[in-house]
Amino acid sequence: TSDGVNMSTIANEIGKTKISVAYSNECALRDKGLDCKFCNINA
């Protein structure tokens, strides 16, 4: 990007025509002890 960030950390390829952006790599539910039990986003 123009500020020097690797685009591979911005968007992930998920097929020949699609990309997905995880704008946040953390979830605020951890602060309340309410994480979904199957989820490992914060870890």
PDB file of all heavy atoms in Angstrom:
ATOM      1  N   THR A   1       0.846  -1.185   0.000  1.00  0.00           N
ATOM      2  CA  THR A   1       0.000   0.000   0.000  1.00  0.00           C
ATOM      3  C   THR A   1       0.884   1.239   0.000  1.00  0.00           C
ATOM      4  O   THR A   1       2.103   1.158   0.182  1.00  0.00           O
ATOM      5  CB  THR A   1      -0.912   0.010   1.235  1.00  0.00           C
ATOM      6  OG1 THR A   1      -0.085   0.012   2.418  1.00  0.00           O
ATOM      7  CG2 THR A   1      -1.804  -1.226   1.267  1.00  0.00           C
ATOM      8  N   SER A   2       0.278   2.409  -0.190  1.00  0.00           N
ATOM      9  CA  SER A   2       1.041   3.652  -0.235  1.00  0.00           C
ATOM     10  C   SER A   2       1.758   3.949   1.078  1.00  0.00           C
ATOM     11  O   SER A   2       2.742   4.696   1.093  1.00  0.00           O
ATOM     12  CB  SER A   2       0.130   4.822  -0.611  1.00  0.00           C
ATOM     13  OG  SER A   2      -0.930   4.956   0.320  1.00  0.00           O
ATOM     14  N   ASP A   3       1.284   3.373   2.177  1.00  0.00           N
ATOM     15  CA  ASP A   3       1.978   3.562   3.452  1.00  0.00           C
ATOM     16  C   ASP A   3       2.881   2.381   3.800  1.00  0.00           C
ATOM     17  O   ASP A   3       3.308   2.224   4.950  1.00  0.00           O
ATOM     18  CB  ASP A   3       0.983   3.837   4.590  1.00  0.00           C
ATOM     19  CG  ASP A   3      -0.041   2.741   4.769  1.00  0.00           C
ATOM     20  OD1 ASP A   3      -0.083   1.811   3.937  1.00  0.00           O
ATOM     21  OD2 ASP A   3      -0.824   2.808   5.744  1.00  0.00           O
ATOM     22  N   GLY A   4       3.158   1.517   2.806  1.00  0.00           N
ATOM     23  CA  GLY A   4       4.187   0.495   2.966  1.00  0.00           C
ATOM     24  C   GLY A   4       3.752  -0.816   3.571  1.00  0.00           C
ATOM     25  O   GLY A   4       4.600  -1.631   3.959  1.00  0.00           O
ATOM     26  N   VAL A   5       2.448  -1.088   3.639  1.00  0.00           N
ATOM     27  CA  VAL A   5       1.956  -2.334   4.229  1.00  0.00           C
ATOM     28  C   VAL A   5       1.794  -3.386   3.134  1.00  0.00           C
ATOM     29  O   VAL A   5       1.299  -3.101   2.042  1.00  0.00           O
ATOM     30  CB  VAL A   5       0.610  -2.099   4.947  1.00  0.00           C
ATOM     31  CG1 VAL A   5       0.035  -3.418   5.470  1.00  0.00           C
ATOM     32  CG2 VAL A   5       0.788  -1.106   6.082  1.00  0.00           C
ATOM     33  N   ASN A   6       2.223  -4.613   3.420  1.00  0.00           N
ATOM     34  CA  ASN A   6       2.079  -5.703   2.460  1.00  0.00           C
ATOM     35  C   ASN A   6       0.600  -5.976   2.186  1.00  0.00           C
ATOM     36  O   ASN A   6      -0.182  -6.201   3.122  1.00  0.00           O
ATOM     37  CB  ASN A   6       2.732  -6.976   2.989  1.00  0.00           C
ATOM     38  CG  ASN A   6       4.234  -6.865   3.081  1.00  0.00           C
ATOM     39  OD1 ASN A   6       4.865  -6.193   2.274  1.00  0.00           O
ATOM     40  ND2 ASN A   6       4.817  -7.521   4.072  1.00  0.00           N
ATOM     41  N   MET A   7       0.219  -5.964   0.906  1.00  0.00           N
ATOM     42  CA  MET A   7      -1.180  -6.189   0.568  1.00  0.00           C
ATOM     43  C   MET A   7      -1.643  -7.600   0.924  1.00  0.00           C
ATOM     44  O   MET A   7      -2.848  -7.825   1.105  1.00  0.00           O
ATOM     45  CB  MET A   7      -1.411  -5.900  -0.915  1.00  0.00           C
ATOM     46  CG  MET A   7      -1.359  -4.422  -1.248  1.00  0.00           C
ATOM     47  SD  MET A   7      -1.837  -4.052  -2.957  1.00  0.00           S
ATOM     48  CE  MET A   7      -1.783  -2.248  -2.923  1.00  0.00           C
ATOM     49  N   SER A   8      -0.714  -8.542   1.026  1.00  0.00           N
ATOM     50  CA  SER A   8      -1.088  -9.906   1.426  1.00  0.00           C
ATOM     51  C   SER A   8      -1.635  -9.948   2.841  1.00  0.00           C
ATOM     52  O   SER A   8      -2.340 -10.894   3.206  1.00  0.00           O
ATOM     53  CB  SER A   8       0.116 -10.844   1.310  1.00  0.00           C
ATOM     54  OG  SER A   8       1.159 -10.429   2.177  1.00  0.00           O
ATOM     55  N   THR A   9      -1.321  -8.940   3.661  1.00  0.00           N
ATOM     56  CA  THR A   9      -1.866  -8.877   5.020  1.00  0.00           C
ATOM     57  C   THR A   9      -3.174  -8.101   5.071  1.00  0.00           C
ATOM     58  O   THR A   9      -3.823  -8.045   6.116  1.00  0.00           O
ATOM     59  CB  THR A   9      -0.863  -8.228   5.992  1.00  0.00           C
ATOM     60  OG1 THR A   9      -0.723  -6.825   5.678  1.00  0.00           O
ATOM     61  CG2 THR A   9       0.493  -8.900   5.907  1.00  0.00           C
ATOM     62  N   ILE A  10      -3.555  -7.490   3.938  1.00  0.00           N
ATOM     63  CA  ILE A  10      -4.809  -6.733   3.868  1.00  0.00           C
ATOM     64  C   ILE A  10      -5.940  -7.612   3.367  1.00  0.00           C
ATOM     65  O   ILE A  10      -7.018  -7.670   3.957  1.00  0.00           O
ATOM     66  CB  ILE A  10      -4.661  -5.510   2.936  1.00  0.00           C
ATOM     67  CG1 ILE A  10      -3.485  -4.628   3.372  1.00  0.00           C
ATOM     68  CG2 ILE A  10      -5.967  -4.716   2.906  1.00  0.00           C
ATOM     69  CD1 ILE A  10      -3.652  -3.976   4.714  1.00  0.00           C
ATOM     70  N   ALA A  11      -5.697  -8.305   2.232  1.00  0.00           N
ATOM     71  CA  ALA A  11      -6.735  -9.134   1.612  1.00  0.00           C
ATOM     72  C   ALA A  11      -6.180 -10.512   1.307  1.00  0.00           C
ATOM     73  O   ALA A  11      -5.028 -10.648   0.902  1.00  0.00           O
ATOM     74  CB  ALA A  11      -7.246  -8.477   0.330  1.00  0.00           C
ATOM     75  N   ASN A  12      -6.993 -11.517   1.505  1.00  0.00           N
ATOM     76  CA  ASN A  12      -6.629 -12.902   1.194  1.00  0.00           C
ATOM     77  C   ASN A  12      -7.410 -13.387  -0.009  1.00  0.00           C
ATOM     78  O   ASN A  12      -8.620 -13.133  -0.136  1.00  0.00           O
ATOM     79  CB  ASN A  12      -6.904 -13.831   2.376  1.00  0.00           C
ATOM     80  CG  ASN A  12      -5.973 -13.598   3.552  1.00  0.00           C
ATOM     81  OD1 ASN A  12      -6.281 -13.984   4.664  1.00  0.00           O
ATOM     82  ND2 ASN A  12      -4.843 -12.954   3.319  1.00  0.00           N
ATOM     83  N   GLU A  13      -6.738 -14.090  -0.917  1.00  0.00           N
ATOM     84  CA  GLU A  13      -7.395 -14.733  -2.049  1.00  0.00           C
ATOM     85  C   GLU A  13      -8.190 -15.933  -1.559  1.00  0.00           C
ATOM     86  O   GLU A  13      -7.687 -16.733  -0.759  1.00  0.00           O
ATOM     87  CB  GLU A  13      -6.328 -15.180  -3.068  1.00  0.00           C
ATOM     88  CG  GLU A  13      -6.877 -15.861  -4.305  1.00  0.00           C
ATOM     89  CD  GLU A  13      -6.942 -17.378  -4.221  1.00  0.00           C
ATOM     90  OE1 GLU A  13      -6.690 -17.936  -3.131  1.00  0.00           O
ATOM     91  OE2 GLU A  13      -7.255 -18.005  -5.227  1.00  0.00           O
ATOM     92  N   ILE A  14      -9.435 -16.057  -2.007  1.00  0.00           N
ATOM     93  CA  ILE A  14     -10.239 -17.221  -1.629  1.00  0.00           C
ATOM     94  C   ILE A  14     -10.833 -17.890  -2.857  1.00  0.00           C
ATOM     95  O   ILE A  14     -11.807 -18.631  -2.762  1.00  0.00           O
ATOM     96  CB  ILE A  14     -11.357 -16.847  -0.630  1.00  0.00           C
ATOM     97  CG1 ILE A  14     -12.212 -15.684  -1.168  1.00  0.00           C
ATOM     98  CG2 ILE A  14     -10.784 -16.519   0.731  1.00  0.00           C
ATOM     99  CD1 ILE A  14     -13.424 -15.390  -0.327  1.00  0.00           C
ATOM    100  N   GLY A  15     -10.247 -17.647  -4.004  1.00  0.00           N
ATOM    101  CA  GLY A  15     -10.712 -18.220  -5.256  1.00  0.00           C
ATOM    102  C   GLY A  15     -10.176 -17.402  -6.399  1.00  0.00           C
ATOM    103  O   GLY A  15      -9.523 -16.376  -6.199  1.00  0.00           O
ATOM    104  N   LYS A  16     -10.438 -17.824  -7.605  1.00  0.00           N
ATOM    105  CA  LYS A  16      -9.901 -17.132  -8.771  1.00  0.00           C
ATOM    106  C   LYS A  16     -10.462 -15.723  -8.944  1.00  0.00           C
ATOM    107  O   LYS A  16      -9.865 -14.889  -9.616  1.00  0.00           O
ATOM    108  CB  LYS A  16     -10.180 -17.957 -10.031  1.00  0.00           C
ATOM    109  CG  LYS A  16      -9.206 -19.106 -10.241  1.00  0.00           C
ATOM    110  CD  LYS A  16      -7.802 -18.592 -10.492  1.00  0.00           C
ATOM    111  CE  LYS A  16      -6.837 -19.723 -10.752  1.00  0.00           C
ATOM    112  NZ  LYS A  16      -5.464 -19.240 -10.954  1.00  0.00           N
ATOM    113  N   THR A  17     -11.616 -15.427  -8.353  1.00  0.00           N
ATOM    114  CA  THR A  17     -12.220 -14.113  -8.564  1.00  0.00           C
ATOM    115  C   THR A  17     -12.618 -13.414  -7.270  1.00  0.00           C
ATOM    116  O   THR A  17     -13.240 -12.353  -7.314  1.00  0.00           O
ATOM    117  CB  THR A  17     -13.479 -14.229  -9.447  1.00  0.00           C
ATOM    118  OG1 THR A  17     -14.493 -14.958  -8.744  1.00  0.00           O
ATOM    119  CG2 THR A  17     -13.171 -14.932 -10.765  1.00  0.00           C
ATOM    120  N   LYS A  18     -12.266 -13.973  -6.107  1.00  0.00           N
ATOM    121  CA  LYS A  18     -12.732 -13.405  -4.849  1.00  0.00           C
ATOM    122  C   LYS A  18     -11.586 -13.158  -3.872  1.00  0.00           C
ATOM    123  O   LYS A  18     -10.631 -13.939  -3.792  1.00  0.00           O
ATOM    124  CB  LYS A  18     -13.729 -14.349  -4.169  1.00  0.00           C
ATOM    125  CG  LYS A  18     -15.082 -14.417  -4.830  1.00  0.00           C
ATOM    126  CD  LYS A  18     -16.010 -15.266  -3.975  1.00  0.00           C
ATOM    127  CE  LYS A  18     -17.411 -15.329  -4.542  1.00  0.00           C
ATOM    128  NZ  LYS A  18     -18.295 -16.118  -3.684  1.00  0.00           N
ATOM    129  N   ILE A  19     -11.732 -12.074  -3.113  1.00  0.00           N
ATOM    130  CA  ILE A  19     -10.829 -11.798  -2.012  1.00  0.00           C
ATOM    131  C   ILE A  19     -11.652 -11.509  -0.765  1.00  0.00           C
ATOM    132  O   ILE A  19     -12.841 -11.176  -0.847  1.00  0.00           O
ATOM    133  CB  ILE A  19      -9.887 -10.622  -2.307  1.00  0.00           C
ATOM    134  CG1 ILE A  19     -10.683  -9.356  -2.647  1.00  0.00           C
ATOM    135  CG2 ILE A  19      -8.915 -10.978  -3.429  1.00  0.00           C
ATOM    136  CD1 ILE A  19      -9.810  -8.128  -2.835  1.00  0.00           C
ATOM    137  N   SER A  20     -11.006 -11.644   0.381  1.00  0.00           N
ATOM    138  CA  SER A  20     -11.677 -11.384   1.650  1.00  0.00           C
ATOM    139  C   SER A  20     -10.752 -10.550   2.528  1.00  0.00           C
ATOM    140  O   SER A  20      -9.555 -10.830   2.619  1.00  0.00           O
ATOM    141  CB  SER A  20     -12.025 -12.701   2.354  1.00  0.00           C
ATOM    142  OG  SER A  20     -12.735 -12.469   3.554  1.00  0.00           O
ATOM    143  N   VAL A  21     -11.306  -9.524   3.149  1.00  0.00           N
ATOM    144  CA  VAL A  21     -10.550  -8.641   4.032  1.00  0.00           C
ATOM    145  C   VAL A  21     -11.042  -8.822   5.456  1.00  0.00           C
ATOM    146  O   VAL A  21     -12.236  -8.656   5.728  1.00  0.00           O
ATOM    147  CB  VAL A  21     -10.710  -7.166   3.618  1.00  0.00           C
ATOM    148  CG1 VAL A  21     -10.137  -6.243   4.689  1.00  0.00           C
ATOM    149  CG2 VAL A  21     -10.028  -6.906   2.284  1.00  0.00           C
ATOM    150  N   ALA A  22     -10.136  -9.186   6.343  1.00  0.00           N
ATOM    151  CA  ALA A  22     -10.446  -9.191   7.771  1.00  0.00           C
ATOM    152  C   ALA A  22      -9.893  -7.886   8.329  1.00  0.00           C
ATOM    153  O   ALA A  22      -8.710  -7.779   8.612  1.00  0.00           O
ATOM    154  CB  ALA A  22      -9.828 -10.400   8.462  1.00  0.00           C
ATOM    155  N   TYR A  23     -10.752  -6.881   8.425  1.00  0.00           N
ATOM    156  CA  TYR A  23     -10.279  -5.547   8.812  1.00  0.00           C
ATOM    157  C   TYR A  23      -9.721  -5.543  10.230  1.00  0.00           C
ATOM    158  O   TYR A  23      -8.837  -4.769  10.570  1.00  0.00           O
ATOM    159  CB  TYR A  23     -11.396  -4.516   8.679  1.00  0.00           C
ATOM    160  CG  TYR A  23     -12.566  -4.740   9.614  1.00  0.00           C
ATOM    161  CD1 TYR A  23     -12.565  -4.259  10.904  1.00  0.00           C
ATOM    162  CD2 TYR A  23     -13.686  -5.453   9.181  1.00  0.00           C
ATOM    163  CE1 TYR A  23     -13.633  -4.474  11.756  1.00  0.00           C
ATOM    164  CE2 TYR A  23     -14.757  -5.666  10.018  1.00  0.00           C
ATOM    165  CZ  TYR A  23     -14.732  -5.172  11.305  1.00  0.00           C
ATOM    166  OH  TYR A  23     -15.790  -5.406  12.149  1.00  0.00           O
ATOM    167  N   SER A  24     -10.244  -6.441  11.066  1.00  0.00           N
ATOM    168  CA  SER A  24      -9.811  -6.547  12.457  1.00  0.00           C
ATOM    169  C   SER A  24      -9.388  -7.980  12.730  1.00  0.00           C
ATOM    170  O   SER A  24     -10.124  -8.909  12.421  1.00  0.00           O
ATOM    171  CB  SER A  24     -10.957  -6.164  13.399  1.00  0.00           C
ATOM    172  OG  SER A  24     -10.689  -6.574  14.724  1.00  0.00           O
ATOM    173  N   ASN A  25      -8.197  -8.157  13.306  1.00  0.00           N
ATOM    174  CA  ASN A  25      -7.744  -9.506  13.635  1.00  0.00           C
ATOM    175  C   ASN A  25      -7.897  -9.791  15.125  1.00  0.00           C
ATOM    176  O   ASN A  25      -7.143 -10.579  15.707  1.00  0.00           O
ATOM    177  CB  ASN A  25      -6.291  -9.719  13.190  1.00  0.00           C
ATOM    178  CG  ASN A  25      -5.320  -8.795  13.903  1.00  0.00           C
ATOM    179  OD1 ASN A  25      -5.698  -7.728  14.369  1.00  0.00           O
ATOM    180  ND2 ASN A  25      -4.072  -9.204  13.983  1.00  0.00           N
ATOM    181  N   GLU A  26      -8.892  -9.163  15.725  1.00  0.00           N
ATOM    182  CA  GLU A  26      -9.220  -9.437  17.120  1.00  0.00           C
ATOM    183  C   GLU A  26     -10.714  -9.242  17.313  1.00  0.00           C
ATOM    184  O   GLU A  26     -11.390  -8.646  16.479  1.00  0.00           O
ATOM    185  CB  GLU A  26      -8.436  -8.526  18.058  1.00  0.00           C
ATOM    186  CG  GLU A  26      -8.772  -7.049  17.891  1.00  0.00           C
ATOM    187  CD  GLU A  26      -7.958  -6.162  18.789  1.00  0.00           C
ATOM    188  OE1 GLU A  26      -7.479  -6.645  19.828  1.00  0.00           O
ATOM    189  OE2 GLU A  26      -7.790  -4.968  18.464  1.00  0.00           O
ATOM    190  N   CYS A  27     -11.214  -9.755  18.411  1.00  0.00           N
ATOM    191  CA  CYS A  27     -12.642  -9.652  18.704  1.00  0.00           C
ATOM    192  C   CYS A  27     -12.830  -9.093  20.109  1.00  0.00           C
ATOM    193  O   CYS A  27     -12.218  -9.582  21.074  1.00  0.00           O
ATOM    194  CB  CYS A  27     -13.303 -11.024  18.595  1.00  0.00           C
ATOM    195  SG  CYS A  27     -15.083 -11.010  18.934  1.00  0.00           S
ATOM    196  N   ALA A  28     -13.668  -8.065  20.233  1.00  0.00           N
ATOM    197  CA  ALA A  28     -13.895  -7.399  21.512  1.00  0.00           C
ATOM    198  C   ALA A  28     -14.622  -8.276  22.521  1.00  0.00           C
ATOM    199  O   ALA A  28     -14.670  -7.949  23.708  1.00  0.00           O
ATOM    200  CB  ALA A  28     -14.684  -6.110  21.293  1.00  0.00           C
ATOM    201  N   LEU A  29     -15.178  -9.400  22.071  1.00  0.00           N
ATOM    202  CA  LEU A  29     -15.891 -10.277  23.010  1.00  0.00           C
ATOM    203  C   LEU A  29     -14.954 -10.875  24.056  1.00  0.00           C
ATOM    204  O   LEU A  29     -15.400 -11.263  25.134  1.00  0.00           O
ATOM    205  CB  LEU A  29     -16.598 -11.397  22.248  1.00  0.00           C
ATOM    206  CG  LEU A  29     -17.760 -10.974  21.340  1.00  0.00           C
ATOM    207  CD1 LEU A  29     -18.348 -12.180  20.629  1.00  0.00           C
ATOM    208  CD2 LEU A  29     -18.842 -10.240  22.128  1.00  0.00           C
ATOM    209  N   ARG A  30     -13.646 -10.956  23.734  1.00  0.00           N
ATOM    210  CA  ARG A  30     -12.701 -11.505  24.715  1.00  0.00           C
ATOM    211  C   ARG A  30     -12.696 -10.690  25.998  1.00  0.00           C
ATOM    212  O   ARG A  30     -12.578 -11.245  27.101  1.00  0.00           O
ATOM    213  CB  ARG A  30     -11.303 -11.563  24.120  1.00  0.00           C
ATOM    214  CG  ARG A  30     -10.237 -11.907  25.160  1.00  0.00           C
ATOM    215  CD  ARG A  30      -8.914 -12.325  24.572  1.00  0.00           C
ATOM    216  NE  ARG A  30      -8.261 -11.266  23.828  1.00  0.00           N
ATOM    217  CZ  ARG A  30      -7.056 -11.422  23.265  1.00  0.00           C
ATOM    218  NH1 ARG A  30      -6.400 -12.565  23.376  1.00  0.00           N
ATOM    219  NH2 ARG A  30      -6.508 -10.436  22.586  1.00  0.00           N
ATOM    220  N   ASP A  31     -12.790  -9.369  25.859  1.00  0.00           N
ATOM    221  CA  ASP A  31     -12.738  -8.503  27.041  1.00  0.00           C
ATOM    222  C   ASP A  31     -13.880  -8.788  28.010  1.00  0.00           C
ATOM    223  O   ASP A  31     -13.765  -8.517  29.206  1.00  0.00           O
ATOM    224  CB  ASP A  31     -12.790  -7.033  26.616  1.00  0.00           C
ATOM    225  CG  ASP A  31     -11.605  -6.650  25.739  1.00  0.00           C
ATOM    226  OD1 ASP A  31     -10.557  -7.313  25.840  1.00  0.00           O
ATOM    227  OD2 ASP A  31     -11.744  -5.693  24.940  1.00  0.00           O
ATOM    228  N   LYS A  32     -14.962  -9.351  27.486  1.00  0.00           N
ATOM    229  CA  LYS A  32     -16.115  -9.668  28.328  1.00  0.00           C
ATOM    230  C   LYS A  32     -16.177 -11.154  28.685  1.00  0.00           C
ATOM    231  O   LYS A  32     -17.110 -11.601  29.335  1.00  0.00           O
ATOM    232  CB  LYS A  32     -17.413  -9.265  27.607  1.00  0.00           C
ATOM    233  CG  LYS A  32     -17.474  -7.799  27.200  1.00  0.00           C
ATOM    234  CD  LYS A  32     -18.748  -7.479  26.443  1.00  0.00           C
ATOM    235  CE  LYS A  32     -18.785  -6.034  25.984  1.00  0.00           C
ATOM    236  NZ  LYS A  32     -18.835  -5.091  27.113  1.00  0.00           N
ATOM    237  N   GLY A  33     -15.182 -11.925  28.224  1.00  0.00           N
ATOM    238  CA  GLY A  33     -15.182 -13.366  28.466  1.00  0.00           C
ATOM    239  C   GLY A  33     -16.274 -14.083  27.708  1.00  0.00           C
ATOM    240  O   GLY A  33     -16.776 -15.119  28.162  1.00  0.00           O
ATOM    241  N   LEU A  34     -16.636 -13.549  26.519  1.00  0.00           N
ATOM    242  CA  LEU A  34     -17.781 -14.080  25.776  1.00  0.00           C
ATOM    243  C   LEU A  34     -17.408 -14.556  24.382  1.00  0.00           C
ATOM    244  O   LEU A  34     -18.243 -14.598  23.479  1.00  0.00           O
ATOM    245  CB  LEU A  34     -18.877 -13.009  25.679  1.00  0.00           C
ATOM    246  CG  LEU A  34     -19.498 -12.552  26.996  1.00  0.00           C
ATOM    247  CD1 LEU A  34     -20.458 -11.382  26.771  1.00  0.00           C
ATOM    248  CD2 LEU A  34     -20.232 -13.705  27.685  1.00  0.00           C
ATOM    249  N   ASP A  35     -16.161 -14.942  24.185  1.00  0.00           N
ATOM    250  CA  ASP A  35     -15.742 -15.490  22.889  1.00  0.00           C
ATOM    251  C   ASP A  35     -16.600 -16.687  22.495  1.00  0.00           C
ATOM    252  O   ASP A  35     -16.999 -17.497  23.349  1.00  0.00           O
ATOM    253  CB  ASP A  35     -14.290 -15.974  22.956  1.00  0.00           C
ATOM    254  CG  ASP A  35     -13.296 -14.854  22.682  1.00  0.00           C
ATOM    255  OD1 ASP A  35     -13.706 -13.815  22.167  1.00  0.00           O
ATOM    256  OD2 ASP A  35     -12.102 -15.046  22.994  1.00  0.00           O
ATOM    257  N   CYS A  36     -16.859 -16.833  21.188  1.00  0.00           N
ATOM    258  CA  CYS A  36     -17.464 -18.066  20.697  1.00  0.00           C
ATOM    259  C   CYS A  36     -16.493 -19.217  20.974  1.00  0.00           C
ATOM    260  O   CYS A  36     -15.286 -19.074  20.772  1.00  0.00           O
ATOM    261  CB  CYS A  36     -17.752 -17.968  19.202  1.00  0.00           C
ATOM    262  SG  CYS A  36     -19.012 -16.744  18.771  1.00  0.00           S
ATOM    263  N   LYS A  37     -17.019 -20.347  21.420  1.00  0.00           N
ATOM    264  CA  LYS A  37     -16.162 -21.430  21.895  1.00  0.00           C
ATOM    265  C   LYS A  37     -15.310 -22.056  20.793  1.00  0.00           C
ATOM    266  O   LYS A  37     -14.259 -22.634  21.075  1.00  0.00           O
ATOM    267  CB  LYS A  37     -17.015 -22.527  22.552  1.00  0.00           C
ATOM    268  CG  LYS A  37     -17.934 -22.055  23.662  1.00  0.00           C
ATOM    269  CD  LYS A  37     -17.196 -21.444  24.826  1.00  0.00           C
ATOM    270  CE  LYS A  37     -18.159 -21.100  25.965  1.00  0.00           C
ATOM    271  NZ  LYS A  37     -17.489 -20.396  27.079  1.00  0.00           N
ATOM    272  N   PHE A  38     -15.757 -21.962  19.526  1.00  0.00           N
ATOM    273  CA  PHE A  38     -15.025 -22.581  18.423  1.00  0.00           C
ATOM    274  C   PHE A  38     -14.003 -21.627  17.813  1.00  0.00           C
ATOM    275  O   PHE A  38     -13.226 -22.016  16.956  1.00  0.00           O
ATOM    276  CB  PHE A  38     -16.000 -23.014  17.315  1.00  0.00           C
ATOM    277  CG  PHE A  38     -16.879 -21.896  16.828  1.00  0.00           C
ATOM    278  CD1 PHE A  38     -16.406 -20.938  15.945  1.00  0.00           C
ATOM    279  CD2 PHE A  38     -18.177 -21.785  17.289  1.00  0.00           C
ATOM    280  CE1 PHE A  38     -17.215 -19.889  15.533  1.00  0.00           C
ATOM    281  CE2 PHE A  38     -18.996 -20.742  16.870  1.00  0.00           C
ATOM    282  CZ  PHE A  38     -18.504 -19.788  15.995  1.00  0.00           C
ATOM    283  N   CYS A  39     -14.001 -20.370  18.235  1.00  0.00           N
ATOM    284  CA  CYS A  39     -13.244 -19.318  17.549  1.00  0.00           C
ATOM    285  C   CYS A  39     -11.867 -19.119  18.170  1.00  0.00           C
ATOM    286  O   CYS A  39     -11.712 -19.125  19.394  1.00  0.00           O
ATOM    287  CB  CYS A  39     -14.040 -18.016  17.593  1.00  0.00           C
ATOM    288  SG  CYS A  39     -13.238 -16.649  16.740  1.00  0.00           S
ATOM    289  N   ASN A  40     -10.870 -18.888  17.305  1.00  0.00           N
ATOM    290  CA  ASN A  40      -9.513 -18.636  17.800  1.00  0.00           C
ATOM    291  C   ASN A  40      -8.942 -17.326  17.269  1.00  0.00           C
ATOM    292  O   ASN A  40      -7.725 -17.177  17.150  1.00  0.00           O
ATOM    293  CB  ASN A  40      -8.585 -19.812  17.458  1.00  0.00           C
ATOM    294  CG  ASN A  40      -8.243 -19.888  15.968  1.00  0.00           C
ATOM    295  OD1 ASN A  40      -8.885 -19.267  15.133  1.00  0.00           O
ATOM    296  ND2 ASN A  40      -7.229 -20.670  15.644  1.00  0.00           N
ATOM    297  N   ILE A  41      -9.817 -16.358  16.945  1.00  0.00           N
ATOM    298  CA  ILE A  41      -9.332 -15.115  16.374  1.00  0.00           C
ATOM    299  C   ILE A  41      -8.355 -14.395  17.301  1.00  0.00           C
ATOM    300  O   ILE A  41      -7.299 -13.909  16.866  1.00  0.00           O
ATOM    301  CB  ILE A  41     -10.509 -14.183  15.968  1.00  0.00           C
ATOM    302  CG1 ILE A  41      -9.983 -12.934  15.271  1.00  0.00           C
ATOM    303  CG2 ILE A  41     -11.388 -13.853  17.158  1.00  0.00           C
ATOM    304  CD1 ILE A  41     -11.074 -12.059  14.681  1.00  0.00           C
ATOM    305  N   ASN A  42      -8.663 -14.333  18.591  1.00  0.00           N
ATOM    306  CA  ASN A  42      -7.783 -13.620  19.512  1.00  0.00           C
ATOM    307  C   ASN A  42      -6.486 -14.379  19.759  1.00  0.00           C
ATOM    308  O   ASN A  42      -5.410 -13.780  19.833  1.00  0.00           O
ATOM    309  CB  ASN A  42      -8.515 -13.351  20.828  1.00  0.00           C
ATOM    310  CG  ASN A  42      -9.595 -12.281  20.679  1.00  0.00           C
ATOM    311  OD1 ASN A  42      -9.355 -11.209  20.134  1.00  0.00           O
ATOM    312  ND2 ASN A  42     -10.799 -12.586  21.135  1.00  0.00           N
ATOM    313  N   ALA A  43      -6.566 -15.707  19.853  1.00  0.00           N
ATOM    314  CA  ALA A  43      -5.350 -16.514  20.000  1.00  0.00           C
ATOM    315  C   ALA A  43      -4.472 -16.395  18.758  1.00  0.00           C
ATOM    316  O   ALA A  43      -3.241 -16.370  18.845  1.00  0.00           O
ATOM    317  CB  ALA A  43      -5.726 -17.976  20.245  1.00  0.00           C
TER     318      ALA A  43
END
